[in-house]
Amino acid sequence: MLECKYHRGFSTERLESVAEPKVHRDEKGFYILTLSEQSKVYFDDFYTFLETTYDRALKEKEMVQTKLAATAAGKTELMAFYRARTVIIDLLLKTIRRFYTDGSNLGIIMTPWCFGTVMLEKIEVYRERLSKGEVQDANIIDYPYYVIRYIDEIYKATLLELFDFPEQAFQMRWQYSELLKRYSKMLTDITSSLNSVIKSVKNLGSK
């Protein structure tokens, strides 16, 4: 459980009661074979990883907020650095909560490294939206240019630190993305084929 109020989306009780062909079980517990890697990922391991990372991120946010409050207003770049780090931490916490509580989509169950690449892309998309003024963030009050610049500089290192990952953890990111794109294209092709068949059947029935 996160913060004593957010519950696992796929609890053991639910997994035991729901017949889902993608979910398997062995002596270690329930697991799935992930789409992007075809790796065996146990639900308990995944949730434990999210819980550990979440607790680490909460502690880091508290420390950063303390340092930010103690920073003199004139130290613009130092304040921007702390705000950029807070932006990254807040997005990580929000994403973990969403993945942790999602009980409808098995696609959220993945290896820690794969989750790391998901966070990389989320931060890059969020950073782009911030730079275009498409979203408002309470962490960016003054000097948005400096905050966004620091996000660019520190987001990878910050995530590696919060995840407790080695540097090579992010080297597979494009392979994951490419696999997901291929899967998405395959589903699109299947949907198009089905729609074509349905249309043909309807045409035959109207004659």
C-alpha atoms as a PDB file:
ATOM      1  CA  MET A   1       0.000   0.000   0.000  1.00  0.00           C
ATOM      2  CA  LEU A   2       1.171   3.536  -0.762  1.00  0.00           C
ATOM      3  CA  GLU A   3       0.867   6.171   1.998  1.00  0.00           C
ATOM      4  CA  CYS A   4      -1.567   3.826   3.770  1.00  0.00           C
ATOM      5  CA  LYS A   5      -4.341   4.779   1.330  1.00  0.00           C
ATOM      6  CA  TYR A   6      -3.493   3.630  -2.220  1.00  0.00           C
ATOM      7  CA  HIS A   7      -4.174  -0.071  -2.802  1.00  0.00           C
ATOM      8  CA  ARG A   8      -2.799  -2.488  -5.385  1.00  0.00           C
ATOM      9  CA  GLY A   9      -4.909  -2.592  -8.505  1.00  0.00           C
ATOM     10  CA  PHE A  10      -4.320  -6.319  -8.946  1.00  0.00           C
ATOM     11  CA  SER A  11      -4.550  -7.720  -5.435  1.00  0.00           C
ATOM     12  CA  THR A  12      -3.868 -11.395  -4.766  1.00  0.00           C
ATOM     13  CA  GLU A  13      -7.557 -11.915  -3.970  1.00  0.00           C
ATOM     14  CA  ARG A  14      -8.588 -10.443  -7.280  1.00  0.00           C
ATOM     15  CA  LEU A  15      -6.062 -12.467  -9.265  1.00  0.00           C
ATOM     16  CA  GLU A  16      -7.329 -15.630  -7.601  1.00  0.00           C
ATOM     17  CA  SER A  17     -10.924 -14.891  -8.537  1.00  0.00           C
ATOM     18  CA  VAL A  18     -10.490 -13.656 -12.107  1.00  0.00           C
ATOM     19  CA  ALA A  19      -9.853 -16.057 -14.990  1.00  0.00           C
ATOM     20  CA  GLU A  20      -7.313 -14.267 -17.173  1.00  0.00           C
ATOM     21  CA  PRO A  21      -5.262 -16.291 -19.698  1.00  0.00           C
ATOM     22  CA  LYS A  22      -2.399 -13.779 -19.564  1.00  0.00           C
ATOM     23  CA  VAL A  23      -1.940 -14.320 -15.837  1.00  0.00           C
ATOM     24  CA  HIS A  24       0.026 -17.386 -14.736  1.00  0.00           C
ATOM     25  CA  ARG A  25       0.976 -18.811 -11.382  1.00  0.00           C
ATOM     26  CA  ASP A  26       3.840 -20.887 -10.064  1.00  0.00           C
ATOM     27  CA  GLU A  27       5.414 -21.548  -6.672  1.00  0.00           C
ATOM     28  CA  LYS A  28       6.550 -17.897  -6.400  1.00  0.00           C
ATOM     29  CA  GLY A  29       3.141 -16.403  -7.125  1.00  0.00           C
ATOM     30  CA  PHE A  30       1.210 -14.733  -9.929  1.00  0.00           C
ATOM     31  CA  TYR A  31       3.077 -13.397 -12.952  1.00  0.00           C
ATOM     32  CA  ILE A  32       2.688 -12.328 -16.574  1.00  0.00           C
ATOM     33  CA  LEU A  33       4.972 -12.385 -19.592  1.00  0.00           C
ATOM     34  CA  THR A  34       5.458  -8.745 -20.537  1.00  0.00           C
ATOM     35  CA  LEU A  35       4.562  -7.542 -24.011  1.00  0.00           C
ATOM     36  CA  SER A  36       7.732  -5.563 -24.707  1.00  0.00           C
ATOM     37  CA  GLU A  37      10.279  -7.999 -23.327  1.00  0.00           C
ATOM     38  CA  GLN A  38       8.555 -11.371 -22.987  1.00  0.00           C
ATOM     39  CA  SER A  39       9.989 -11.441 -19.478  1.00  0.00           C
ATOM     40  CA  LYS A  40       8.377 -13.098 -16.485  1.00  0.00           C
ATOM     41  CA  VAL A  41       7.277 -10.385 -14.072  1.00  0.00           C
ATOM     42  CA  TYR A  42       5.721 -11.290 -10.742  1.00  0.00           C
ATOM     43  CA  PHE A  43       2.983  -9.006  -9.504  1.00  0.00           C
ATOM     44  CA  ASP A  44       4.399  -8.929  -5.969  1.00  0.00           C
ATOM     45  CA  ASP A  45       7.857  -7.970  -7.254  1.00  0.00           C
ATOM     46  CA  PHE A  46       6.452  -5.187  -9.416  1.00  0.00           C
ATOM     47  CA  TYR A  47       4.380  -3.697  -6.616  1.00  0.00           C
ATOM     48  CA  THR A  48       7.268  -3.952  -4.162  1.00  0.00           C
ATOM     49  CA  PHE A  49       9.455  -2.064  -6.632  1.00  0.00           C
ATOM     50  CA  LEU A  50       6.829   0.687  -6.944  1.00  0.00           C
ATOM     51  CA  GLU A  51       6.411   0.902  -3.166  1.00  0.00           C
ATOM     52  CA  THR A  52      10.159   1.150  -2.553  1.00  0.00           C
ATOM     53  CA  THR A  53      10.625   3.785  -5.261  1.00  0.00           C
ATOM     54  CA  TYR A  54       7.625   5.757  -4.043  1.00  0.00           C
ATOM     55  CA  ASP A  55       8.932   5.895  -0.462  1.00  0.00           C
ATOM     56  CA  ARG A  56      12.363   6.944  -1.705  1.00  0.00           C
ATOM     57  CA  ALA A  57      10.838   9.693  -3.869  1.00  0.00           C
ATOM     58  CA  LEU A  58       8.681  11.002  -0.998  1.00  0.00           C
ATOM     59  CA  LYS A  59      11.730  11.322   1.252  1.00  0.00           C
ATOM     60  CA  GLU A  60      13.671  13.044  -1.523  1.00  0.00           C
ATOM     61  CA  LYS A  61      10.841  15.498  -2.144  1.00  0.00           C
ATOM     62  CA  GLU A  62      10.705  16.403   1.551  1.00  0.00           C
ATOM     63  CA  MET A  63      14.452  17.036   1.566  1.00  0.00           C
ATOM     64  CA  VAL A  64      14.300  19.136  -1.621  1.00  0.00           C
ATOM     65  CA  GLN A  65      11.412  21.201  -0.267  1.00  0.00           C
ATOM     66  CA  THR A  66      13.374  21.862   2.917  1.00  0.00           C
ATOM     67  CA  LYS A  67      16.371  23.056   0.907  1.00  0.00           C
ATOM     68  CA  LEU A  68      14.160  25.168  -1.335  1.00  0.00           C
ATOM     69  CA  ALA A  69      12.552  26.890   1.645  1.00  0.00           C
ATOM     70  CA  ALA A  70      16.007  27.687   3.037  1.00  0.00           C
ATOM     71  CA  THR A  71      17.333  29.122  -0.247  1.00  0.00           C
ATOM     72  CA  ALA A  72      17.577  32.894  -0.485  1.00  0.00           C
ATOM     73  CA  ALA A  73      15.272  34.463  -3.085  1.00  0.00           C
ATOM     74  CA  GLY A  74      18.217  35.957  -4.917  1.00  0.00           C
ATOM     75  CA  LYS A  75      19.754  32.573  -5.733  1.00  0.00           C
ATOM     76  CA  THR A  76      17.731  32.174  -8.903  1.00  0.00           C
ATOM     77  CA  GLU A  77      19.502  29.225 -10.459  1.00  0.00           C
ATOM     78  CA  LEU A  78      19.684  27.215  -7.251  1.00  0.00           C
ATOM     79  CA  MET A  79      15.954  27.688  -6.731  1.00  0.00           C
ATOM     80  CA  ALA A  80      15.332  26.682 -10.348  1.00  0.00           C
ATOM     81  CA  PHE A  81      17.388  23.527  -9.781  1.00  0.00           C
ATOM     82  CA  TYR A  82      15.312  22.525  -6.752  1.00  0.00           C
ATOM     83  CA  ARG A  83      12.065  23.298  -8.576  1.00  0.00           C
ATOM     84  CA  ALA A  84      13.157  21.227 -11.585  1.00  0.00           C
ATOM     85  CA  ARG A  85      13.948  18.303  -9.296  1.00  0.00           C
ATOM     86  CA  THR A  86      10.531  18.690  -7.668  1.00  0.00           C
ATOM     87  CA  VAL A  87       8.823  18.617 -11.082  1.00  0.00           C
ATOM     88  CA  ILE A  88      10.531  15.308 -11.847  1.00  0.00           C
ATOM     89  CA  ILE A  89       9.721  13.816  -8.441  1.00  0.00           C
ATOM     90  CA  ASP A  90       6.072  14.908  -8.580  1.00  0.00           C
ATOM     91  CA  LEU A  91       5.589  13.357 -12.018  1.00  0.00           C
ATOM     92  CA  LEU A  92       7.201  10.137 -10.808  1.00  0.00           C
ATOM     93  CA  LEU A  93       4.948   9.987  -7.735  1.00  0.00           C
ATOM     94  CA  LYS A  94       1.860  10.653  -9.852  1.00  0.00           C
ATOM     95  CA  THR A  95       2.805   7.955 -12.356  1.00  0.00           C
ATOM     96  CA  ILE A  96       3.533   5.381  -9.657  1.00  0.00           C
ATOM     97  CA  ARG A  97       0.148   6.043  -8.047  1.00  0.00           C
ATOM     98  CA  ARG A  98      -1.594   5.555 -11.388  1.00  0.00           C
ATOM     99  CA  PHE A  99       0.232   2.323 -12.201  1.00  0.00           C
ATOM    100  CA  TYR A 100      -0.110   1.015  -8.655  1.00  0.00           C
ATOM    101  CA  THR A 101      -3.888   1.493  -8.440  1.00  0.00           C
ATOM    102  CA  ASP A 102      -4.754   0.462 -12.013  1.00  0.00           C
ATOM    103  CA  GLY A 103      -6.648  -2.810 -11.849  1.00  0.00           C
ATOM    104  CA  SER A 104      -7.966  -2.895 -15.405  1.00  0.00           C
ATOM    105  CA  ASN A 105      -4.884  -2.904 -17.619  1.00  0.00           C
ATOM    106  CA  LEU A 106      -2.337  -5.720 -17.409  1.00  0.00           C
ATOM    107  CA  GLY A 107      -0.040  -3.662 -19.636  1.00  0.00           C
ATOM    108  CA  ILE A 108       1.042  -1.662 -16.588  1.00  0.00           C
ATOM    109  CA  ILE A 109       2.823  -4.708 -15.153  1.00  0.00           C
ATOM    110  CA  MET A 110       6.409  -4.543 -16.429  1.00  0.00           C
ATOM    111  CA  THR A 111      10.024  -4.885 -15.391  1.00  0.00           C
ATOM    112  CA  PRO A 112      11.575  -2.050 -13.354  1.00  0.00           C
ATOM    113  CA  TRP A 113      13.875  -1.062 -16.218  1.00  0.00           C
ATOM    114  CA  CYS A 114      10.954  -0.877 -18.616  1.00  0.00           C
ATOM    115  CA  PHE A 115       9.059   1.292 -16.148  1.00  0.00           C
ATOM    116  CA  GLY A 116      12.121   3.518 -16.060  1.00  0.00           C
ATOM    117  CA  THR A 117      11.971   4.064 -19.815  1.00  0.00           C
ATOM    118  CA  VAL A 118       8.263   4.870 -19.520  1.00  0.00           C
ATOM    119  CA  MET A 119       9.150   7.592 -17.014  1.00  0.00           C
ATOM    120  CA  LEU A 120      11.857   8.964 -19.294  1.00  0.00           C
ATOM    121  CA  GLU A 121       9.351   9.474 -22.076  1.00  0.00           C
ATOM    122  CA  LYS A 122       6.709  10.912 -19.751  1.00  0.00           C
ATOM    123  CA  ILE A 123       9.129  13.536 -18.463  1.00  0.00           C
ATOM    124  CA  GLU A 124      10.250  14.425 -21.988  1.00  0.00           C
ATOM    125  CA  VAL A 125       6.642  14.883 -23.111  1.00  0.00           C
ATOM    126  CA  TYR A 126       5.796  16.892 -19.985  1.00  0.00           C
ATOM    127  CA  ARG A 127       8.877  19.052 -20.402  1.00  0.00           C
ATOM    128  CA  GLU A 128       7.857  19.813 -24.004  1.00  0.00           C
ATOM    129  CA  ARG A 129       4.360  20.796 -22.907  1.00  0.00           C
ATOM    130  CA  LEU A 130       5.795  23.029 -20.178  1.00  0.00           C
ATOM    131  CA  SER A 131       8.042  24.785 -22.669  1.00  0.00           C
ATOM    132  CA  LYS A 132       5.030  25.482 -24.920  1.00  0.00           C
ATOM    133  CA  GLY A 133       2.919  26.751 -22.044  1.00  0.00           C
ATOM    134  CA  GLU A 134       0.354  23.977 -22.548  1.00  0.00           C
ATOM    135  CA  VAL A 135       0.308  23.015 -18.850  1.00  0.00           C
ATOM    136  CA  GLN A 136       0.603  24.952 -15.616  1.00  0.00           C
ATOM    137  CA  ASP A 137       2.812  23.537 -12.880  1.00  0.00           C
ATOM    138  CA  ALA A 138       2.816  24.866  -9.325  1.00  0.00           C
ATOM    139  CA  ASN A 139       6.571  24.212  -9.158  1.00  0.00           C
ATOM    140  CA  ILE A 140       7.248  26.734 -11.920  1.00  0.00           C
ATOM    141  CA  ILE A 141       6.420  30.083 -10.419  1.00  0.00           C
ATOM    142  CA  ASP A 142       9.338  32.240 -11.547  1.00  0.00           C
ATOM    143  CA  TYR A 143      12.054  31.847 -14.163  1.00  0.00           C
ATOM    144  CA  PRO A 144      10.498  28.959 -16.163  1.00  0.00           C
ATOM    145  CA  TYR A 145      13.418  29.026 -18.611  1.00  0.00           C
ATOM    146  CA  TYR A 146      15.894  28.049 -15.894  1.00  0.00           C
ATOM    147  CA  VAL A 147      13.595  25.355 -14.486  1.00  0.00           C
ATOM    148  CA  ILE A 148      13.081  23.736 -17.901  1.00  0.00           C
ATOM    149  CA  ARG A 149      16.801  23.950 -18.618  1.00  0.00           C
ATOM    150  CA  TYR A 150      17.558  22.120 -15.381  1.00  0.00           C
ATOM    151  CA  ILE A 151      14.934  19.496 -16.151  1.00  0.00           C
ATOM    152  CA  ASP A 152      16.831  18.790 -19.379  1.00  0.00           C
ATOM    153  CA  GLU A 153      20.115  18.524 -17.516  1.00  0.00           C
ATOM    154  CA  ILE A 154      19.120  16.394 -14.532  1.00  0.00           C
ATOM    155  CA  TYR A 155      16.099  14.238 -15.340  1.00  0.00           C
ATOM    156  CA  LYS A 156      17.998  11.114 -16.386  1.00  0.00           C
ATOM    157  CA  ALA A 157      20.401  11.219 -13.445  1.00  0.00           C
ATOM    158  CA  THR A 158      17.552  11.987 -11.046  1.00  0.00           C
ATOM    159  CA  LEU A 159      15.540   8.991 -12.233  1.00  0.00           C
ATOM    160  CA  LEU A 160      18.537   6.672 -12.051  1.00  0.00           C
ATOM    161  CA  GLU A 161      19.078   7.814  -8.481  1.00  0.00           C
ATOM    162  CA  LEU A 162      15.441   7.457  -7.413  1.00  0.00           C
ATOM    163  CA  PHE A 163      15.103   4.059  -9.067  1.00  0.00           C
ATOM    164  CA  ASP A 164      18.522   2.989  -7.790  1.00  0.00           C
ATOM    165  CA  PHE A 165      19.376   1.892 -11.342  1.00  0.00           C
ATOM    166  CA  PRO A 166      22.775   1.601 -13.051  1.00  0.00           C
ATOM    167  CA  GLU A 167      23.342   3.850 -16.082  1.00  0.00           C
ATOM    168  CA  GLN A 168      22.779   1.019 -18.555  1.00  0.00           C
ATOM    169  CA  ALA A 169      19.170   0.695 -17.390  1.00  0.00           C
ATOM    170  CA  PHE A 170      18.049   3.262 -19.951  1.00  0.00           C
ATOM    171  CA  GLN A 171      19.984   1.907 -22.916  1.00  0.00           C
ATOM    172  CA  MET A 172      17.118  -0.352 -24.066  1.00  0.00           C
ATOM    173  CA  ARG A 173      14.501   2.368 -24.222  1.00  0.00           C
ATOM    174  CA  TRP A 174      14.229   2.623 -28.000  1.00  0.00           C
ATOM    175  CA  GLN A 175      13.914  -1.133 -28.355  1.00  0.00           C
ATOM    176  CA  TYR A 176      10.974  -1.072 -25.952  1.00  0.00           C
ATOM    177  CA  SER A 177       9.370   1.796 -27.827  1.00  0.00           C
ATOM    178  CA  GLU A 178       9.860   0.120 -31.181  1.00  0.00           C
ATOM    179  CA  LEU A 179       8.264  -3.104 -29.944  1.00  0.00           C
ATOM    180  CA  LEU A 180       5.271  -1.194 -28.624  1.00  0.00           C
ATOM    181  CA  LYS A 181       4.918   0.685 -31.917  1.00  0.00           C
ATOM    182  CA  ARG A 182       4.989  -2.571 -33.841  1.00  0.00           C
ATOM    183  CA  TYR A 183       2.367  -4.065 -31.541  1.00  0.00           C
ATOM    184  CA  SER A 184       0.184  -0.978 -31.950  1.00  0.00           C
ATOM    185  CA  LYS A 185       0.522  -1.173 -35.741  1.00  0.00           C
ATOM    186  CA  MET A 186      -0.366  -4.868 -35.667  1.00  0.00           C
ATOM    187  CA  LEU A 187      -3.539  -4.136 -33.699  1.00  0.00           C
ATOM    188  CA  THR A 188      -4.427  -1.356 -36.132  1.00  0.00           C
ATOM    189  CA  ASP A 189      -3.970  -3.701 -39.102  1.00  0.00           C
ATOM    190  CA  ILE A 190      -6.123  -6.366 -37.433  1.00  0.00           C
ATOM    191  CA  THR A 191      -8.853  -3.808 -36.676  1.00  0.00           C
ATOM    192  CA  SER A 192      -8.799  -2.562 -40.279  1.00  0.00           C
ATOM    193  CA  SER A 193      -9.077  -6.131 -41.591  1.00  0.00           C
ATOM    194  CA  LEU A 194     -12.004  -6.909 -39.291  1.00  0.00           C
ATOM    195  CA  ASN A 195     -13.795  -3.717 -40.296  1.00  0.00           C
ATOM    196  CA  SER A 196     -13.284  -4.636 -43.948  1.00  0.00           C
ATOM    197  CA  VAL A 197     -14.737  -8.106 -43.381  1.00  0.00           C
ATOM    198  CA  ILE A 198     -17.721  -6.708 -41.456  1.00  0.00           C
ATOM    199  CA  LYS A 199     -18.373  -4.187 -44.220  1.00  0.00           C
ATOM    200  CA  SER A 200     -18.237  -6.919 -46.859  1.00  0.00           C
ATOM    201  CA  VAL A 201     -20.671  -9.096 -44.883  1.00  0.00           C
ATOM    202  CA  LYS A 202     -23.073  -6.185 -44.521  1.00  0.00           C
ATOM    203  CA  ASN A 203     -22.893  -5.475 -48.248  1.00  0.00           C
ATOM    204  CA  LEU A 204     -23.678  -9.127 -49.042  1.00  0.00           C
ATOM    205  CA  GLY A 205     -26.600  -9.091 -46.663  1.00  0.00           C
ATOM    206  CA  SER A 206     -28.089  -5.974 -48.254  1.00  0.00           C
ATOM    207  CA  LYS A 207     -28.125  -7.509 -51.741  1.00  0.00           C
END
